[in-house]
Amino acid sequence: MNENVTWFKEAKYGMMIHWGLYSLLAGEYRGQSSSAYAEWIQSKFQIPNQEYEQLATAFNPLYFDAEEIVSLAKECGMNYLVVTTKHHDGFAMYHSQVDDYNIYDATPFKRDVLKELAEACQKYGVKLGIYYSQDLDWHEPNGGGYLSNHIETAGTTWDNSWDFTGEKDFDQCFRDKILPQIEEIMTNYGEIVTAWFDMPMTVSKEQSQLIYDTVKSLQPNCLINSRLGNGSYDYVSLGDNEIPDKKVAELAEVDYNSVDGFKPSPFNLYETAATMNDSWGFSYQDHNWKSPETIYTYKTHLNELGINYLLNVGLDGLGRIPMQSIINLKEVAKMETEKQ
């Protein structure tokens, strides 16, 4: 049996980290505010890659401190991290050998933050998971999303239709970038306990299965979430910020095949990923912080239902967790201690 199944059931609480070039824009572009999701700003304003790439030359997050972040998570009772390794903008937040559009090769920072976080997790006894956008990639001419006619309220289109027109071939992007990057992440950073994929729209059933099999071949105990798509997964990622009122036993009866190819978790594992305000990426405009009382209530409720609470922090352009996030996380931890 997968060694991490029991661990996941007992983990209950984790930290998600959204961080990338979009963090420099912080939800603002040429005097306009992005949608609620600041990490979608390139799509929202259809920023050409030639311009968006220039953000990398200014990305020098001098205050990023992996140990400070992981020790905070540990202090606040969080048992695992899920770190964005590549979001929809296609920029890798680790030293990728597959594509030099990454934090090490394309920025003055020239540090592998995933490696630093992995080392900090090992030091503090916090498990490491990764987020990877396996379908959407706005930096690639053949990035996915183009088969969907749904307009995302966070942006304008799922795919990069402003830079790249004409016929697209996701198979090429999958073969040359997506799968090779997943392989290197799963090979070079020690134990990865969860693989958090997202937005399955163009990826085929065969490609989902290939990703699943590849991850398992390199990290046999890594648990894969349901947003990989096409029914290949170990645990169910519920909707963003979803706080269900049903018990897991009742959740298992839901027809998940009608929602992103979901079905009940084969190991009875569930997780809600949630924001502390509205955006996932850092935003200057977003001060709609959930109170510590609300976060504590949500966490308690979800855990009682057997659902893990994965709470996101959006690091700013300097690599810092916003002050209000820190204050609220510590207050939630204090409430936990007082209730014991």
Protein backbone atom coordinates (compact mmCIF):
# COMPACT_ATOMS: atom_id res chain seq x y z
CA MET A 1 0.00 0.00 0.00
CA ASN A 2 1.17 3.55 -0.68
CA GLU A 3 3.07 4.67 2.42
CA ASN A 4 1.72 8.22 2.17
CA VAL A 5 -1.98 7.31 2.33
CA THR A 6 -1.99 7.14 6.12
CA TRP A 7 0.21 10.21 6.32
CA PHE A 8 -2.15 12.22 4.09
CA LYS A 9 -5.17 11.27 6.19
CA GLU A 10 -3.40 12.48 9.30
CA ALA A 11 -1.79 15.58 7.77
CA LYS A 12 -4.98 17.68 7.87
CA TYR A 13 -3.31 21.05 7.23
CA GLY A 14 -0.83 22.31 4.67
CA MET A 15 0.56 25.46 3.08
CA MET A 16 0.25 26.18 -0.63
CA ILE A 17 2.56 28.75 -2.21
CA HIS A 18 1.71 30.69 -5.37
CA TRP A 19 4.71 32.62 -6.59
CA GLY A 20 5.98 33.68 -10.00
CA LEU A 21 6.62 36.57 -12.36
CA TYR A 22 3.03 37.66 -11.84
CA SER A 23 3.98 38.48 -8.25
CA LEU A 24 5.94 41.49 -9.53
CA LEU A 25 2.83 42.95 -11.19
CA ALA A 26 0.86 42.21 -8.01
CA GLY A 27 -2.52 42.53 -9.69
CA GLU A 28 -1.86 45.86 -11.42
CA TYR A 29 -1.08 46.58 -15.08
CA ARG A 30 -0.86 50.01 -16.70
CA GLY A 31 -3.21 51.63 -14.22
CA GLN A 32 -5.75 48.79 -14.24
CA SER A 33 -6.57 46.11 -11.71
CA SER A 34 -6.46 42.45 -12.62
CA SER A 35 -9.29 40.06 -11.94
CA ALA A 36 -9.55 38.61 -8.46
CA TYR A 37 -6.89 36.08 -9.43
CA ALA A 38 -3.69 38.13 -9.80
CA GLU A 39 -1.76 35.13 -11.14
CA TRP A 40 -3.94 35.27 -14.28
CA ILE A 41 -2.87 38.82 -15.13
CA GLN A 42 -1.03 37.92 -18.33
CA SER A 43 -4.22 36.45 -19.78
CA LYS A 44 -6.44 39.17 -18.33
CA PHE A 45 -4.59 41.90 -20.22
CA GLN A 46 -3.21 39.69 -23.00
CA ILE A 47 0.33 40.80 -22.20
CA PRO A 48 2.62 39.70 -25.05
CA ASN A 49 5.29 37.21 -24.06
CA GLN A 50 7.95 39.57 -25.38
CA GLU A 51 6.88 42.09 -22.74
CA TYR A 52 6.01 39.64 -19.98
CA GLU A 53 9.42 37.96 -20.31
CA GLN A 54 11.07 41.24 -19.29
CA LEU A 55 9.69 40.76 -15.80
CA ALA A 56 12.29 38.03 -15.38
CA THR A 57 15.09 40.60 -15.72
CA ALA A 58 13.65 42.45 -12.69
CA PHE A 59 12.90 39.33 -10.61
CA ASN A 60 15.41 39.42 -7.76
CA PRO A 61 13.53 38.42 -4.59
CA LEU A 62 16.20 39.31 -2.07
CA TYR A 63 14.04 38.55 0.96
CA PHE A 64 13.13 34.99 -0.04
CA ASP A 65 14.11 32.71 2.82
CA ALA A 66 13.08 29.07 2.48
CA GLU A 67 13.82 28.23 6.10
CA GLU A 68 11.78 31.18 7.33
CA ILE A 69 8.79 30.05 5.26
CA VAL A 70 8.99 26.38 6.21
CA SER A 71 9.62 27.11 9.89
CA LEU A 72 6.52 29.34 9.90
CA ALA A 73 4.47 26.53 8.38
CA LYS A 74 5.81 24.15 11.01
CA GLU A 75 5.14 26.61 13.83
CA CYS A 76 1.56 27.01 12.64
CA GLY A 77 0.88 23.26 12.57
CA MET A 78 1.08 22.83 8.81
CA ASN A 79 2.44 19.44 7.86
CA TYR A 80 3.19 19.87 4.17
CA LEU A 81 3.94 22.43 1.48
CA VAL A 82 2.65 22.52 -2.09
CA VAL A 83 4.86 24.83 -4.15
CA THR A 84 4.17 26.22 -7.63
CA THR A 85 6.87 24.86 -9.93
CA LYS A 86 5.20 26.19 -13.10
CA HIS A 87 1.96 28.12 -13.37
CA HIS A 88 -0.03 28.90 -16.52
CA ASP A 89 2.42 31.59 -17.63
CA GLY A 90 4.95 28.84 -18.33
CA PHE A 91 7.72 30.23 -16.10
CA ALA A 92 9.47 27.54 -14.05
CA MET A 93 10.23 28.38 -10.43
CA TYR A 94 13.13 25.97 -10.30
CA HIS A 95 16.30 25.31 -12.33
CA SER A 96 14.85 23.50 -15.33
CA GLN A 97 17.20 21.87 -17.80
CA VAL A 98 14.30 21.48 -20.23
CA ASP A 99 13.53 25.18 -20.76
CA ASP A 100 15.70 28.16 -19.76
CA TYR A 101 12.57 30.22 -19.08
CA ASN A 102 13.08 29.65 -15.36
CA ILE A 103 14.08 31.45 -12.17
CA TYR A 104 17.69 30.29 -12.33
CA ASP A 105 18.56 30.99 -15.96
CA ALA A 106 16.33 33.96 -16.78
CA THR A 107 16.62 36.13 -13.67
CA PRO A 108 19.37 37.94 -11.76
CA PHE A 109 18.37 35.89 -8.70
CA LYS A 110 19.92 32.68 -10.10
CA ARG A 111 18.81 30.44 -7.26
CA ASP A 112 16.78 27.27 -7.33
CA VAL A 113 14.03 28.08 -4.85
CA LEU A 114 12.47 24.62 -5.11
CA LYS A 115 15.76 23.08 -4.03
CA GLU A 116 16.01 25.49 -1.11
CA LEU A 117 12.44 24.74 -0.03
CA ALA A 118 13.05 21.00 -0.36
CA GLU A 119 16.11 21.27 1.90
CA ALA A 120 14.21 23.39 4.43
CA CYS A 121 11.32 20.89 4.45
CA GLN A 122 13.74 18.08 5.18
CA LYS A 123 15.35 20.09 7.99
CA TYR A 124 12.05 20.95 9.71
CA GLY A 125 10.22 17.69 9.09
CA VAL A 126 7.64 19.17 6.73
CA LYS A 127 6.62 17.14 3.67
CA LEU A 128 7.06 18.62 0.18
CA GLY A 129 4.45 18.63 -2.58
CA ILE A 130 4.50 20.42 -5.92
CA TYR A 131 2.01 22.28 -8.11
CA TYR A 132 2.51 22.00 -11.89
CA SER A 133 0.24 23.33 -14.65
CA GLN A 134 0.24 20.32 -16.97
CA ASP A 135 -2.09 21.72 -19.64
CA LEU A 136 -2.06 25.52 -19.84
CA ASP A 137 1.21 27.19 -20.82
CA TRP A 138 0.97 30.72 -22.24
CA HIS A 139 4.66 30.84 -23.12
CA GLU A 140 4.36 27.97 -25.59
CA PRO A 141 2.91 28.28 -29.11
CA ASN A 142 1.29 24.87 -28.60
CA GLY A 143 0.26 25.33 -24.97
CA GLY A 144 -3.10 23.79 -24.07
CA GLY A 145 -6.53 25.22 -23.35
CA TYR A 146 -7.43 26.00 -26.95
CA LEU A 147 -10.04 23.23 -27.21
CA SER A 148 -12.27 24.90 -24.64
CA ASN A 149 -14.72 27.62 -25.65
CA HIS A 150 -15.28 28.66 -22.05
CA ILE A 151 -14.01 32.11 -21.16
CA GLU A 152 -12.29 32.15 -17.79
CA THR A 153 -13.43 35.04 -15.64
CA ALA A 154 -9.90 35.29 -14.24
CA GLY A 155 -8.45 36.01 -17.68
CA THR A 156 -9.67 36.31 -21.27
CA THR A 157 -8.92 32.92 -22.78
CA TRP A 158 -7.54 29.63 -21.48
CA ASP A 159 -4.74 29.53 -24.05
CA ASN A 160 -2.43 32.25 -25.35
CA SER A 161 -4.49 33.33 -28.32
CA TRP A 162 -2.97 36.82 -28.46
CA ASP A 163 0.59 35.78 -29.33
CA PHE A 164 -0.09 32.49 -31.05
CA THR A 165 -2.75 32.15 -33.74
CA GLY A 166 -3.46 29.40 -36.22
CA GLU A 167 -3.32 25.66 -35.66
CA LYS A 168 -1.95 24.38 -32.37
CA ASP A 169 -0.56 20.98 -31.44
CA PHE A 170 -0.58 20.29 -27.72
CA ASP A 171 1.12 16.95 -28.32
CA GLN A 172 4.29 18.85 -29.23
CA CYS A 173 4.19 20.95 -26.05
CA PHE A 174 3.46 17.87 -23.97
CA ARG A 175 6.28 15.88 -25.52
CA ASP A 176 8.96 18.59 -25.49
CA LYS A 177 8.21 20.47 -22.26
CA ILE A 178 5.42 19.22 -20.02
CA LEU A 179 6.43 15.59 -19.51
CA PRO A 180 10.21 16.26 -19.40
CA GLN A 181 9.74 18.96 -16.74
CA ILE A 182 7.60 16.67 -14.63
CA GLU A 183 10.31 14.03 -14.94
CA GLU A 184 13.07 16.36 -13.75
CA ILE A 185 11.01 17.69 -10.83
CA MET A 186 10.28 14.15 -9.70
CA THR A 187 13.95 13.20 -10.03
CA ASN A 188 15.94 16.10 -8.57
CA TYR A 189 14.26 17.27 -5.34
CA GLY A 190 14.07 14.32 -2.99
CA GLU A 191 10.76 12.93 -1.79
CA ILE A 192 7.66 14.55 -3.30
CA VAL A 193 4.57 13.49 -1.37
CA THR A 194 1.88 15.13 -3.51
CA ALA A 195 1.65 16.20 -7.14
CA TRP A 196 -0.93 18.95 -7.55
CA PHE A 197 -1.91 19.28 -11.22
CA ASP A 198 -4.45 21.76 -12.55
CA MET A 199 -6.86 22.72 -15.35
CA PRO A 200 -7.11 19.55 -17.49
CA MET A 201 -8.61 20.73 -20.79
CA THR A 202 -6.48 19.62 -23.68
CA VAL A 203 -4.56 16.76 -22.12
CA SER A 204 -5.78 13.41 -23.43
CA LYS A 205 -6.65 10.34 -21.39
CA GLU A 206 -3.45 8.71 -22.61
CA GLN A 207 -1.38 11.75 -21.62
CA SER A 208 -2.94 11.89 -18.15
CA GLN A 209 -2.15 8.23 -17.68
CA LEU A 210 1.40 8.75 -18.93
CA ILE A 211 1.96 11.55 -16.40
CA TYR A 212 0.48 9.37 -13.66
CA ASP A 213 2.70 6.41 -14.57
CA THR A 214 5.78 8.63 -14.92
CA VAL A 215 5.30 10.15 -11.47
CA LYS A 216 4.77 6.73 -9.93
CA SER A 217 7.85 5.29 -11.61
CA LEU A 218 10.02 8.05 -10.12
CA GLN A 219 8.15 8.67 -6.85
CA PRO A 220 6.14 5.50 -6.06
CA ASN A 221 4.57 6.98 -2.92
CA CYS A 222 3.67 10.36 -4.41
CA LEU A 223 -0.08 11.00 -4.23
CA ILE A 224 -1.55 12.58 -7.37
CA ASN A 225 -4.57 14.86 -7.32
CA SER A 226 -7.72 14.60 -9.38
CA ARG A 227 -7.02 17.69 -11.48
CA LEU A 228 -4.55 15.68 -13.50
CA GLY A 229 -7.68 14.83 -15.46
CA ASN A 230 -9.28 11.83 -17.14
CA GLY A 231 -9.70 9.80 -13.99
CA SER A 232 -6.03 9.14 -13.19
CA TYR A 233 -5.41 10.14 -9.57
CA ASP A 234 -5.12 9.14 -5.92
CA TYR A 235 -6.95 11.92 -4.10
CA VAL A 236 -9.73 14.37 -4.87
CA SER A 237 -9.02 18.10 -5.01
CA LEU A 238 -12.34 19.73 -4.22
CA GLY A 239 -13.27 23.07 -5.76
CA ASP A 240 -11.24 26.17 -4.96
CA ASN A 241 -12.20 27.34 -1.46
CA GLU A 242 -14.90 24.66 -1.31
CA ILE A 243 -16.26 24.03 2.19
CA PRO A 244 -18.73 21.15 1.79
CA ASP A 245 -21.28 20.37 4.45
CA LYS A 246 -21.32 16.63 3.72
CA LYS A 247 -19.27 13.91 5.28
CA VAL A 248 -16.65 12.19 3.16
CA ALA A 249 -18.80 9.07 3.05
CA GLU A 250 -21.48 11.14 1.33
CA LEU A 251 -18.95 12.94 -0.86
CA ALA A 252 -17.93 9.55 -2.24
CA GLU A 253 -21.42 9.21 -3.71
CA VAL A 254 -21.10 12.40 -5.75
CA ASP A 255 -20.77 11.90 -9.50
CA TYR A 256 -17.31 13.39 -9.87
CA ASN A 257 -17.20 12.17 -13.46
CA SER A 258 -19.40 15.16 -14.26
CA VAL A 259 -16.83 17.60 -12.88
CA ASP A 260 -13.37 17.55 -14.50
CA GLY A 261 -13.47 13.77 -14.74
CA PHE A 262 -13.63 13.34 -10.95
CA LYS A 263 -14.71 10.15 -9.25
CA PRO A 264 -14.51 9.14 -5.59
CA SER A 265 -10.99 8.92 -4.23
CA PRO A 266 -9.67 5.35 -4.39
CA PHE A 267 -8.03 5.86 -0.98
CA ASN A 268 -10.80 8.05 0.50
CA LEU A 269 -8.50 11.09 0.42
CA TYR A 270 -9.84 14.62 -0.02
CA GLU A 271 -8.41 18.12 0.11
CA THR A 272 -9.65 21.68 -0.21
CA ALA A 273 -7.16 24.24 -1.48
CA ALA A 274 -8.10 27.72 -0.33
CA THR A 275 -6.95 31.32 -0.31
CA MET A 276 -6.52 33.60 2.69
CA ASN A 277 -8.07 36.49 0.77
CA ASP A 278 -9.41 36.31 -2.83
CA SER A 279 -6.33 35.95 -5.00
CA TRP A 280 -3.85 33.08 -5.13
CA GLY A 281 -0.97 35.21 -6.42
CA PHE A 282 0.10 38.29 -4.46
CA SER A 283 -2.08 41.34 -5.12
CA TYR A 284 -1.67 44.92 -3.89
CA GLN A 285 -5.42 45.43 -4.25
CA ASP A 286 -6.68 42.43 -2.33
CA HIS A 287 -7.25 43.24 1.32
CA ASN A 288 -10.25 40.95 1.70
CA TRP A 289 -8.53 38.81 4.29
CA LYS A 290 -10.39 35.95 5.92
CA SER A 291 -10.31 36.42 9.66
CA PRO A 292 -8.37 33.96 11.84
CA GLU A 293 -11.72 32.91 13.30
CA THR A 294 -13.06 32.08 9.84
CA ILE A 295 -9.94 30.14 8.88
CA TYR A 296 -10.00 28.23 12.16
CA THR A 297 -13.68 27.40 11.69
CA TYR A 298 -13.14 26.19 8.12
CA LYS A 299 -10.13 24.11 9.09
CA THR A 300 -11.91 22.50 12.02
CA HIS A 301 -14.99 21.72 9.91
CA LEU A 302 -13.02 20.25 7.01
CA ASN A 303 -10.83 18.14 9.27
CA GLU A 304 -13.92 16.78 11.02
CA LEU A 305 -15.11 15.65 7.58
CA GLY A 306 -11.78 13.99 6.87
CA ILE A 307 -10.71 16.69 4.39
CA ASN A 308 -7.29 18.32 4.41
CA TYR A 309 -7.11 22.11 4.38
CA LEU A 310 -4.40 23.42 2.03
CA LEU A 311 -4.16 27.14 2.73
CA ASN A 312 -2.41 29.36 0.18
CA VAL A 313 0.02 32.22 0.69
CA GLY A 314 1.05 34.39 -2.24
CA LEU A 315 4.64 35.55 -1.89
CA ASP A 316 5.32 39.08 -3.09
CA GLY A 317 7.93 40.11 -5.65
CA LEU A 318 10.61 40.23 -2.95
CA GLY A 319 9.86 36.70 -1.83
CA ARG A 320 7.99 37.61 1.35
CA ILE A 321 4.82 36.17 2.82
CA PRO A 322 2.47 39.14 3.26
CA MET A 323 2.41 40.43 6.83
CA GLN A 324 -1.33 39.89 7.23
CA SER A 325 -0.97 36.26 6.18
CA ILE A 326 1.66 35.73 8.87
CA ILE A 327 -0.43 37.44 11.53
CA ASN A 328 -3.52 35.42 10.67
CA LEU A 329 -1.67 32.09 10.44
CA LYS A 330 -0.10 32.62 13.86
CA GLU A 331 -3.44 33.62 15.35
CA VAL A 332 -5.06 30.44 13.99
CA ALA A 333 -2.24 28.41 15.56
CA LYS A 334 -2.81 30.20 18.86
CA MET A 335 -6.52 29.37 18.70
CA GLU A 336 -5.64 25.72 18.04
CA THR A 337 -3.42 25.65 21.12
CA GLU A 338 -6.05 27.29 23.33
CA LYS A 339 -8.71 24.78 22.23
CA GLN A 340 -6.57 21.79 23.15
